[in-house]
Amino acid sequence: MTPKTIKIIYWALTIIFGLFMLMDGGAGVAKEKTGQDVMRHLGYPVYIMVITGAAKILGAVALLQNKFKTIKEWAFAGFAFNFIGAFASRAFVGDSGFLLIFPLIILMVMFILYYFWKRYLTIKTQQQ
């Protein structure tokens, strides 16, 4: 892959993933009704939506910036814990099918984004 292709894929995935996490975090902070229903179904208190929503917003902002690499690494780790926890929560309450697999799909997308971020960093380092 050419450096230009890697850069385009990295930024496209970053923007799409970041926007989705911003929207999801915003819905959590606003305690959107569908999210409340899911939290009750999973057995969590509704107030957890504000905490996880704020964390998703901060994580999305961390992913969309390129200055602080350590903070970006922590954001990737936080999102990984989030998606693994979502999968486990769904499994523990007996959900199946797409509801169970969806967090793993998003986790894989995030890992692909992480891979391209590392490739992008390598290219940027070589160009300096």
Protein backbone atom coordinates (compact mmCIF):
# COMPACT_ATOMS: atom_id res chain seq x y z
CA MET A 1 0.00 0.00 0.00
CA THR A 2 1.22 3.46 -0.79
CA PRO A 3 1.71 5.99 2.01
CA LYS A 4 -1.08 8.12 0.52
CA THR A 5 -3.51 5.18 0.59
CA ILE A 6 -2.62 4.41 4.21
CA LYS A 7 -3.14 8.05 5.17
CA ILE A 8 -6.54 8.18 3.42
CA ILE A 9 -7.74 4.92 5.00
CA TYR A 10 -6.49 5.99 8.43
CA TRP A 11 -8.23 9.37 8.36
CA ALA A 12 -11.45 8.00 6.83
CA LEU A 13 -11.71 5.28 9.50
CA THR A 14 -10.74 7.72 12.26
CA ILE A 15 -13.36 10.27 11.28
CA ILE A 16 -16.13 7.69 10.83
CA PHE A 17 -15.32 5.86 14.07
CA GLY A 18 -14.85 9.12 15.97
CA LEU A 19 -18.19 10.51 14.78
CA PHE A 20 -20.02 7.32 15.74
CA MET A 21 -18.47 7.38 19.20
CA LEU A 22 -19.32 11.08 19.59
CA MET A 23 -22.94 10.36 18.66
CA ASP A 24 -23.12 7.34 20.96
CA GLY A 25 -21.54 9.30 23.79
CA GLY A 26 -23.89 12.21 23.25
CA ALA A 27 -26.90 9.88 23.36
CA GLY A 28 -25.57 8.43 26.61
CA VAL A 29 -25.07 11.82 28.23
CA ALA A 30 -28.58 12.81 27.10
CA LYS A 31 -29.94 9.51 28.50
CA GLU A 32 -31.70 8.66 25.25
CA LYS A 33 -34.72 6.38 25.81
CA THR A 34 -33.50 3.42 23.75
CA GLY A 35 -30.23 3.47 25.68
CA GLN A 36 -32.16 3.49 28.97
CA ASP A 37 -34.09 0.42 27.84
CA VAL A 38 -30.85 -1.38 26.97
CA MET A 39 -29.27 -0.50 30.32
CA ARG A 40 -32.31 -1.83 32.18
CA HIS A 41 -32.27 -5.00 30.04
CA LEU A 42 -28.59 -5.52 30.88
CA GLY A 43 -29.20 -4.85 34.57
CA TYR A 44 -27.21 -1.61 34.82
CA PRO A 45 -28.40 1.61 36.46
CA VAL A 46 -29.41 4.30 33.96
CA TYR A 47 -26.96 6.84 35.42
CA ILE A 48 -24.07 4.76 34.05
CA MET A 49 -25.04 6.11 30.62
CA VAL A 50 -23.80 9.58 31.57
CA ILE A 51 -20.47 8.22 32.81
CA THR A 52 -19.82 5.98 29.79
CA GLY A 53 -21.19 8.63 27.43
CA ALA A 54 -18.77 11.24 28.74
CA ALA A 55 -15.92 8.73 28.46
CA LYS A 56 -16.87 7.96 24.84
CA ILE A 57 -16.91 11.66 23.97
CA LEU A 58 -13.49 12.17 25.55
CA GLY A 59 -12.20 9.01 23.83
CA ALA A 60 -13.47 10.17 20.45
CA VAL A 61 -11.76 13.54 20.90
CA ALA A 62 -8.56 11.70 21.86
CA LEU A 63 -8.75 9.57 18.70
CA LEU A 64 -9.37 12.55 16.45
CA GLN A 65 -6.21 14.35 17.61
CA ASN A 66 -2.64 13.35 16.72
CA LYS A 67 -0.57 15.36 19.19
CA PHE A 68 -0.82 13.24 22.34
CA LYS A 69 -0.01 9.65 21.39
CA THR A 70 -0.26 8.20 24.91
CA ILE A 71 -3.75 9.63 25.40
CA LYS A 72 -4.73 8.16 22.04
CA GLU A 73 -3.40 4.74 23.13
CA TRP A 74 -5.48 4.97 26.32
CA ALA A 75 -8.55 5.88 24.28
CA PHE A 76 -8.08 2.78 22.12
CA ALA A 77 -7.73 0.69 25.28
CA GLY A 78 -10.86 2.24 26.78
CA PHE A 79 -12.89 1.54 23.67
CA ALA A 80 -11.59 -2.04 23.63
CA PHE A 81 -12.74 -2.53 27.25
CA ASN A 82 -16.07 -0.96 26.35
CA PHE A 83 -16.74 -3.31 23.43
CA ILE A 84 -15.53 -6.40 25.27
CA GLY A 85 -17.73 -5.40 28.22
CA ALA A 86 -20.69 -4.87 25.90
CA PHE A 87 -20.19 -8.34 24.44
CA ALA A 88 -19.89 -9.91 27.90
CA SER A 89 -22.94 -8.05 29.20
CA ARG A 90 -25.01 -9.21 26.25
CA ALA A 91 -23.78 -12.78 26.70
CA PHE A 92 -24.54 -12.82 30.44
CA VAL A 93 -28.16 -11.76 29.94
CA GLY A 94 -28.64 -14.38 27.24
CA ASP A 95 -28.80 -12.19 24.15
CA SER A 96 -27.88 -13.90 20.92
CA GLY A 97 -27.35 -13.25 17.25
CA PHE A 98 -26.55 -9.78 16.02
CA LEU A 99 -26.94 -8.19 19.47
CA LEU A 100 -24.16 -10.43 20.76
CA ILE A 101 -21.85 -10.15 17.75
CA PHE A 102 -22.21 -6.40 17.04
CA PRO A 103 -19.77 -5.24 19.77
CA LEU A 104 -17.17 -7.68 18.41
CA ILE A 105 -17.64 -6.31 14.88
CA ILE A 106 -17.06 -2.77 16.13
CA LEU A 107 -14.04 -4.01 18.11
CA MET A 108 -12.58 -5.45 14.90
CA VAL A 109 -13.18 -2.15 13.10
CA MET A 110 -11.37 -0.40 15.94
CA PHE A 111 -8.43 -2.83 15.67
CA ILE A 112 -8.22 -2.13 11.92
CA LEU A 113 -8.20 1.60 12.72
CA TYR A 114 -5.45 1.01 15.30
CA TYR A 115 -3.40 -0.94 12.74
CA PHE A 116 -3.67 1.90 10.21
CA TRP A 117 -2.81 4.47 12.88
CA LYS A 118 0.42 2.59 13.61
CA ARG A 119 1.20 2.37 9.89
CA TYR A 120 0.46 6.09 9.54
CA LEU A 121 2.82 6.90 12.44
CA THR A 122 5.57 4.83 10.81
CA ILE A 123 5.15 6.68 7.54
CA LYS A 124 5.14 10.08 9.28
CA THR A 125 8.31 9.16 11.20
CA GLN A 126 10.10 8.04 8.03
CA GLN A 127 9.20 11.27 6.23
CA GLN A 128 10.74 13.47 8.93
